[in-house]
Every structure is written in C-alpha cells, then in structure tokens.
N, C-alpha and C. Protein backbone atom coordinates (compact mmCIF):
# COMPACT_ATOMS: atom_id res chain seq x y z
N MET A 1 -81.60 -4.43 128.25
CA MET A 1 -80.57 -3.49 128.01
C MET A 1 -79.86 -3.23 129.38
N SER A 2 -78.53 -3.23 129.34
CA SER A 2 -77.79 -3.00 130.64
C SER A 2 -77.84 -1.52 131.03
N ALA A 3 -77.54 -1.31 132.28
CA ALA A 3 -77.54 0.05 132.84
C ALA A 3 -76.52 0.90 132.11
N ILE A 4 -75.35 0.33 131.83
CA ILE A 4 -74.30 1.09 131.14
C ILE A 4 -74.78 1.46 129.71
N THR A 5 -75.40 0.50 129.04
CA THR A 5 -75.86 0.79 127.71
C THR A 5 -76.93 1.86 127.71
N GLU A 6 -77.81 1.87 128.67
CA GLU A 6 -78.83 2.91 128.80
C GLU A 6 -78.24 4.24 129.07
N LYS A 7 -77.23 4.30 129.93
CA LYS A 7 -76.52 5.57 130.22
C LYS A 7 -75.82 6.11 128.97
N LEU A 8 -75.16 5.23 128.23
CA LEU A 8 -74.46 5.66 127.03
C LEU A 8 -75.50 6.14 126.02
N GLU A 9 -76.60 5.44 125.92
CA GLU A 9 -77.64 5.91 124.96
C GLU A 9 -78.18 7.27 125.31
N ARG A 10 -78.42 7.52 126.63
CA ARG A 10 -78.89 8.81 127.06
C ARG A 10 -77.79 9.87 126.78
N LEU A 11 -76.54 9.55 127.00
CA LEU A 11 -75.47 10.50 126.72
C LEU A 11 -75.38 10.84 125.28
N VAL A 12 -75.47 9.83 124.39
CA VAL A 12 -75.45 10.04 122.96
C VAL A 12 -76.65 10.95 122.55
N ASN A 13 -77.78 10.65 123.05
CA ASN A 13 -78.97 11.48 122.73
C ASN A 13 -78.83 12.87 123.22
N ALA A 14 -78.25 13.08 124.42
CA ALA A 14 -78.06 14.39 124.95
C ALA A 14 -77.03 15.16 124.12
N ILE A 15 -75.97 14.48 123.69
CA ILE A 15 -74.96 15.13 122.83
C ILE A 15 -75.58 15.48 121.50
N ASP A 16 -76.36 14.62 120.93
CA ASP A 16 -77.03 14.92 119.64
C ASP A 16 -77.92 16.12 119.76
N GLU A 17 -78.70 16.23 120.80
CA GLU A 17 -79.56 17.40 121.02
C GLU A 17 -78.74 18.70 121.21
N THR A 18 -77.63 18.54 121.95
CA THR A 18 -76.77 19.68 122.25
C THR A 18 -76.04 20.18 120.95
N VAL A 19 -75.59 19.25 120.17
CA VAL A 19 -74.92 19.64 118.89
C VAL A 19 -75.91 20.31 118.03
N THR A 20 -77.15 19.82 117.95
CA THR A 20 -78.14 20.45 117.16
C THR A 20 -78.39 21.90 117.66
N ASP A 21 -78.42 22.08 118.94
CA ASP A 21 -78.65 23.36 119.51
C ASP A 21 -77.52 24.29 119.29
N PHE A 22 -76.34 23.75 119.09
CA PHE A 22 -75.12 24.57 118.95
C PHE A 22 -74.81 24.96 117.52
N THR A 23 -75.70 24.66 116.57
CA THR A 23 -75.41 24.99 115.21
C THR A 23 -75.54 26.46 114.96
N THR A 24 -76.31 27.17 115.74
CA THR A 24 -76.39 28.63 115.61
C THR A 24 -76.44 29.29 116.96
N LEU A 25 -76.13 30.57 116.96
CA LEU A 25 -76.22 31.38 118.17
C LEU A 25 -77.01 32.61 117.83
N ASP A 26 -78.05 32.91 118.53
CA ASP A 26 -78.88 34.09 118.34
C ASP A 26 -78.89 34.90 119.63
N VAL A 27 -78.58 36.17 119.55
CA VAL A 27 -78.69 37.09 120.65
C VAL A 27 -79.57 38.27 120.21
N VAL A 28 -80.67 38.51 120.99
CA VAL A 28 -81.58 39.55 120.67
C VAL A 28 -81.61 40.52 121.83
N THR A 29 -81.40 41.76 121.61
CA THR A 29 -81.49 42.80 122.66
C THR A 29 -82.77 43.60 122.38
N VAL A 30 -83.68 43.60 123.35
CA VAL A 30 -84.92 44.29 123.19
C VAL A 30 -85.07 45.36 124.24
N SER A 31 -85.93 46.35 123.93
CA SER A 31 -86.28 47.35 124.89
C SER A 31 -87.82 47.48 124.86
N GLY A 32 -88.39 48.23 125.79
CA GLY A 32 -89.79 48.36 125.79
C GLY A 32 -90.35 48.28 127.19
N LYS A 33 -91.67 48.05 127.23
CA LYS A 33 -92.35 47.99 128.49
C LYS A 33 -93.08 46.66 128.59
N ILE A 34 -92.95 45.99 129.74
CA ILE A 34 -93.66 44.73 129.98
C ILE A 34 -94.61 45.00 131.14
N GLN A 35 -95.88 44.77 130.89
CA GLN A 35 -96.90 44.98 131.91
C GLN A 35 -96.91 43.83 132.93
N SER A 36 -96.73 42.61 132.44
CA SER A 36 -96.85 41.49 133.37
C SER A 36 -95.95 40.38 132.91
N ILE A 37 -95.30 39.66 133.86
CA ILE A 37 -94.53 38.48 133.57
C ILE A 37 -95.17 37.27 134.18
N ILE A 38 -96.35 37.49 134.71
CA ILE A 38 -97.08 36.38 135.33
C ILE A 38 -98.38 36.20 134.50
N VAL A 39 -98.60 34.97 134.12
CA VAL A 39 -99.83 34.66 133.39
C VAL A 39 -100.63 33.61 134.20
N THR A 40 -101.90 33.58 133.94
CA THR A 40 -102.70 32.57 134.62
C THR A 40 -103.12 31.54 133.68
N ASP A 41 -103.07 30.29 134.17
CA ASP A 41 -103.52 29.11 133.42
C ASP A 41 -104.50 28.39 134.29
N GLY A 42 -105.79 28.76 134.11
CA GLY A 42 -106.78 28.18 135.04
C GLY A 42 -106.58 28.84 136.40
N ASP A 43 -106.40 27.97 137.42
CA ASP A 43 -106.19 28.52 138.79
C ASP A 43 -104.69 28.70 139.06
N LYS A 44 -103.86 28.27 138.13
CA LYS A 44 -102.41 28.39 138.37
C LYS A 44 -101.84 29.67 137.76
N LYS A 45 -100.84 30.22 138.46
CA LYS A 45 -100.09 31.34 137.98
C LYS A 45 -98.70 30.88 137.67
N LYS A 46 -98.15 31.38 136.58
CA LYS A 46 -96.82 30.96 136.27
C LYS A 46 -96.09 32.19 135.64
N TYR A 47 -94.74 32.20 135.80
CA TYR A 47 -93.89 33.22 135.27
C TYR A 47 -93.59 32.89 133.87
N LEU A 48 -93.59 33.93 132.99
CA LEU A 48 -93.15 33.81 131.65
C LEU A 48 -91.67 33.77 131.56
N LYS A 49 -91.14 32.93 130.72
CA LYS A 49 -89.70 33.00 130.44
C LYS A 49 -89.51 34.17 129.47
N PRO A 50 -88.28 34.80 129.47
CA PRO A 50 -88.13 35.90 128.55
C PRO A 50 -88.39 35.60 127.09
N ILE A 51 -88.06 34.36 126.63
CA ILE A 51 -88.30 34.04 125.28
C ILE A 51 -89.78 33.96 124.95
N ASP A 52 -90.59 33.55 126.02
CA ASP A 52 -92.02 33.56 125.84
C ASP A 52 -92.63 34.94 125.50
N LEU A 53 -91.98 35.96 126.12
CA LEU A 53 -92.45 37.35 125.87
C LEU A 53 -92.32 37.75 124.39
N ILE A 54 -91.31 37.18 123.78
CA ILE A 54 -91.04 37.55 122.39
C ILE A 54 -91.81 36.61 121.48
N GLN A 55 -91.79 35.37 121.76
CA GLN A 55 -92.50 34.37 120.88
C GLN A 55 -93.98 34.53 120.95
N ASN A 56 -94.52 34.93 122.09
CA ASN A 56 -95.99 35.07 122.28
C ASN A 56 -96.31 36.52 122.50
N TYR A 57 -95.78 37.35 121.67
CA TYR A 57 -95.97 38.79 121.84
C TYR A 57 -97.40 39.17 121.97
N ASP A 58 -97.76 39.85 123.02
CA ASP A 58 -99.08 40.30 123.29
C ASP A 58 -99.07 41.86 123.49
N PRO A 59 -99.55 42.62 122.45
CA PRO A 59 -99.48 44.06 122.60
C PRO A 59 -100.23 44.61 123.79
N ALA A 60 -101.18 43.86 124.36
CA ALA A 60 -101.87 44.33 125.55
C ALA A 60 -100.97 44.35 126.79
N ASN A 61 -99.92 43.45 126.75
CA ASN A 61 -99.06 43.35 127.96
C ASN A 61 -97.63 43.78 127.70
N THR A 62 -97.25 44.00 126.45
CA THR A 62 -95.89 44.38 126.15
C THR A 62 -95.83 45.38 125.07
N ASP A 63 -94.71 46.06 125.04
CA ASP A 63 -94.36 46.96 123.99
C ASP A 63 -92.91 46.80 123.72
N ILE A 64 -92.56 45.82 122.92
CA ILE A 64 -91.17 45.35 122.70
C ILE A 64 -90.63 45.89 121.40
N HIS A 65 -89.41 46.32 121.45
CA HIS A 65 -88.71 46.80 120.24
C HIS A 65 -87.36 46.11 120.19
N VAL A 66 -86.99 45.58 119.03
CA VAL A 66 -85.67 44.96 118.86
C VAL A 66 -84.67 46.11 118.66
N GLU A 67 -83.71 46.15 119.56
CA GLU A 67 -82.64 47.16 119.46
C GLU A 67 -81.45 46.62 118.65
N ALA A 68 -81.15 45.30 118.91
CA ALA A 68 -79.99 44.67 118.24
C ALA A 68 -80.25 43.18 118.13
N PHE A 69 -79.71 42.58 117.07
CA PHE A 69 -79.85 41.18 116.87
C PHE A 69 -78.59 40.66 116.22
N THR A 70 -78.06 39.58 116.76
CA THR A 70 -76.90 38.93 116.17
C THR A 70 -77.18 37.47 115.95
N HIS A 71 -76.87 36.95 114.74
CA HIS A 71 -77.03 35.58 114.41
C HIS A 71 -75.66 35.09 113.98
N ILE A 72 -75.16 33.98 114.59
CA ILE A 72 -73.87 33.38 114.24
C ILE A 72 -74.08 31.93 113.87
N ASP A 73 -73.71 31.59 112.63
CA ASP A 73 -73.78 30.20 112.19
C ASP A 73 -72.59 29.42 112.74
N PHE A 74 -72.73 28.09 112.66
CA PHE A 74 -71.66 27.20 113.17
C PHE A 74 -70.34 27.49 112.45
N ASP A 75 -70.37 27.85 111.14
CA ASP A 75 -69.15 28.14 110.46
C ASP A 75 -68.68 29.57 110.66
N GLN A 76 -69.30 30.26 111.63
CA GLN A 76 -68.95 31.63 112.08
C GLN A 76 -69.36 32.70 111.11
N ASP A 77 -70.26 32.42 110.18
CA ASP A 77 -70.91 33.48 109.40
C ASP A 77 -71.74 34.30 110.39
N VAL A 78 -71.71 35.62 110.25
CA VAL A 78 -72.41 36.46 111.22
C VAL A 78 -73.31 37.46 110.52
N ILE A 79 -74.49 37.62 111.07
CA ILE A 79 -75.41 38.68 110.66
C ILE A 79 -75.67 39.52 111.88
N GLN A 80 -75.47 40.83 111.74
CA GLN A 80 -75.80 41.70 112.89
C GLN A 80 -76.76 42.79 112.43
N PHE A 81 -77.71 43.12 113.27
CA PHE A 81 -78.70 44.16 113.01
C PHE A 81 -78.65 45.12 114.24
N TYR A 82 -78.62 46.36 113.98
CA TYR A 82 -78.78 47.40 115.03
C TYR A 82 -79.81 48.37 114.57
N LYS A 83 -80.70 48.80 115.51
CA LYS A 83 -81.68 49.80 115.26
C LYS A 83 -80.97 51.06 114.74
N ASP A 84 -81.65 51.73 113.79
CA ASP A 84 -81.07 52.98 113.26
C ASP A 84 -80.70 53.93 114.38
N GLY A 85 -79.52 54.52 114.25
CA GLY A 85 -79.11 55.45 115.23
C GLY A 85 -78.15 54.97 116.31
N ILE A 86 -78.10 53.64 116.51
CA ILE A 86 -77.25 53.11 117.54
C ILE A 86 -75.81 53.11 117.01
N THR A 87 -74.90 53.66 117.91
CA THR A 87 -73.52 53.65 117.56
C THR A 87 -72.67 52.84 118.53
N GLU A 88 -71.40 52.66 118.23
CA GLU A 88 -70.56 51.87 119.10
C GLU A 88 -70.40 52.49 120.49
N ASN A 89 -70.74 53.75 120.65
CA ASN A 89 -70.62 54.43 121.94
C ASN A 89 -71.86 54.31 122.77
N ASP A 90 -72.94 53.79 122.22
CA ASP A 90 -74.20 53.65 122.96
C ASP A 90 -74.15 52.48 123.88
N LEU A 91 -74.80 52.64 125.06
CA LEU A 91 -74.83 51.57 126.04
C LEU A 91 -75.52 50.33 125.49
N THR A 92 -76.57 50.47 124.74
CA THR A 92 -77.27 49.33 124.11
C THR A 92 -76.32 48.52 123.26
N TYR A 93 -75.54 49.18 122.42
CA TYR A 93 -74.54 48.47 121.62
C TYR A 93 -73.53 47.69 122.49
N LYS A 94 -73.00 48.36 123.48
CA LYS A 94 -72.00 47.74 124.32
C LYS A 94 -72.59 46.56 125.06
N LEU A 95 -73.80 46.68 125.61
CA LEU A 95 -74.43 45.59 126.34
C LEU A 95 -74.79 44.42 125.38
N HIS A 96 -75.20 44.74 124.16
CA HIS A 96 -75.48 43.67 123.20
C HIS A 96 -74.19 42.91 122.87
N GLN A 97 -73.08 43.59 122.63
CA GLN A 97 -71.80 42.96 122.27
C GLN A 97 -71.33 42.12 123.45
N GLN A 98 -71.48 42.62 124.67
CA GLN A 98 -71.14 41.80 125.87
C GLN A 98 -71.99 40.53 125.92
N ALA A 99 -73.24 40.65 125.62
CA ALA A 99 -74.13 39.46 125.63
C ALA A 99 -73.71 38.45 124.58
N VAL A 100 -73.32 38.95 123.41
CA VAL A 100 -72.82 38.05 122.34
C VAL A 100 -71.57 37.33 122.83
N GLU A 101 -70.62 38.04 123.37
CA GLU A 101 -69.35 37.45 123.84
C GLU A 101 -69.64 36.50 124.99
N ALA A 102 -70.50 36.87 125.90
CA ALA A 102 -70.79 35.96 127.02
C ALA A 102 -71.47 34.65 126.52
N SER A 103 -72.29 34.78 125.53
CA SER A 103 -72.98 33.59 124.97
C SER A 103 -71.95 32.71 124.24
N ARG A 104 -71.08 33.32 123.48
CA ARG A 104 -70.02 32.53 122.82
C ARG A 104 -69.11 31.81 123.83
N THR A 105 -68.75 32.52 124.87
CA THR A 105 -67.90 31.93 125.89
C THR A 105 -68.65 30.75 126.62
N ALA A 106 -69.90 30.96 126.95
CA ALA A 106 -70.64 29.87 127.58
C ALA A 106 -70.76 28.67 126.69
N ARG A 107 -71.04 28.96 125.42
CA ARG A 107 -71.22 27.86 124.46
C ARG A 107 -69.87 27.05 124.34
N LEU A 108 -68.77 27.76 124.26
CA LEU A 108 -67.48 27.11 124.14
C LEU A 108 -67.19 26.25 125.42
N ALA A 109 -67.54 26.76 126.59
CA ALA A 109 -67.37 26.04 127.82
C ALA A 109 -68.14 24.73 127.81
N VAL A 110 -69.39 24.80 127.33
CA VAL A 110 -70.25 23.60 127.29
C VAL A 110 -69.60 22.59 126.27
N LEU A 111 -69.20 23.09 125.15
CA LEU A 111 -68.61 22.21 124.16
C LEU A 111 -67.30 21.55 124.69
N ASN A 112 -66.55 22.33 125.41
CA ASN A 112 -65.31 21.74 125.99
C ASN A 112 -65.69 20.69 127.06
N PHE A 113 -66.72 20.96 127.83
CA PHE A 113 -67.17 19.96 128.82
C PHE A 113 -67.56 18.71 128.15
N ILE A 114 -68.37 18.79 127.10
CA ILE A 114 -68.81 17.59 126.35
C ILE A 114 -67.59 16.88 125.78
N LYS A 115 -66.65 17.61 125.29
CA LYS A 115 -65.42 16.98 124.72
C LYS A 115 -64.73 16.17 125.77
N GLU A 116 -64.60 16.71 126.99
CA GLU A 116 -63.96 16.04 128.11
C GLU A 116 -64.72 14.78 128.54
N VAL A 117 -66.02 14.87 128.54
CA VAL A 117 -66.87 13.72 128.96
C VAL A 117 -66.73 12.59 127.93
N VAL A 118 -66.68 12.95 126.70
CA VAL A 118 -66.63 11.93 125.64
C VAL A 118 -65.26 11.25 125.58
N LYS A 119 -64.21 11.95 125.95
CA LYS A 119 -62.83 11.34 125.90
C LYS A 119 -62.75 9.97 126.50
C-alpha cells in the first residue's frame, strides 16, 4: 500500500470516527464535592479526567449532583433538564447555557475544518 493510500485511509477512518462522535452533543453541569482527583494504580499515580469522576462515581471520594443536562441530537432535537428551583437568572443556568453554546461552536468549527480538509 502506498504512503498516500495509507494517509487517505487514516483520514477516512478519522472522519468516520469524528462523524460518529458528532451525532449527539451532551453537556452535563454538576456540583458537589470531590475529595481526590488523583488515583493510584499500583505504584503509579494518575489524574482522573472529569468524565471519569462521573462514569466511575465513588461516594467515598465524591458527592456529585447533576444541576443541568442538555442532550442535542444531530437533527437538533433537544432535551434539557434543570434541577428543581433553577431559574434563568441563576448562575448555574447561565454557565450551563454558555457551556452548551461553547460546545456547539467548537463542534461546528471542527466540522468546518473537516469540510475544508476533504475539499
């Protein structure tokens, strides 16, 4: 296989993975207390990624509460959840909406970049 063919194949695979990742957008705003973001794996210490804190919830090290959640499908269907009592004037609401818009903007920028590369 030629070097160009290999590069094109890697590009196609990368685009395929990216398109799959771009089918939905989820933004979760959490609050709570995190005791530790460093875990030990044998003799090694490593930092947890924020998503690890949610996916591997450990009540001994965290006390996490979902304050807001937004799910946006590729066709722009939207589901939004806000904790009871949160209003449009609350800082949590405003920060969550800013995160949603920042995520949408970043996603659009990446899609435009891919479009330019493929041209």
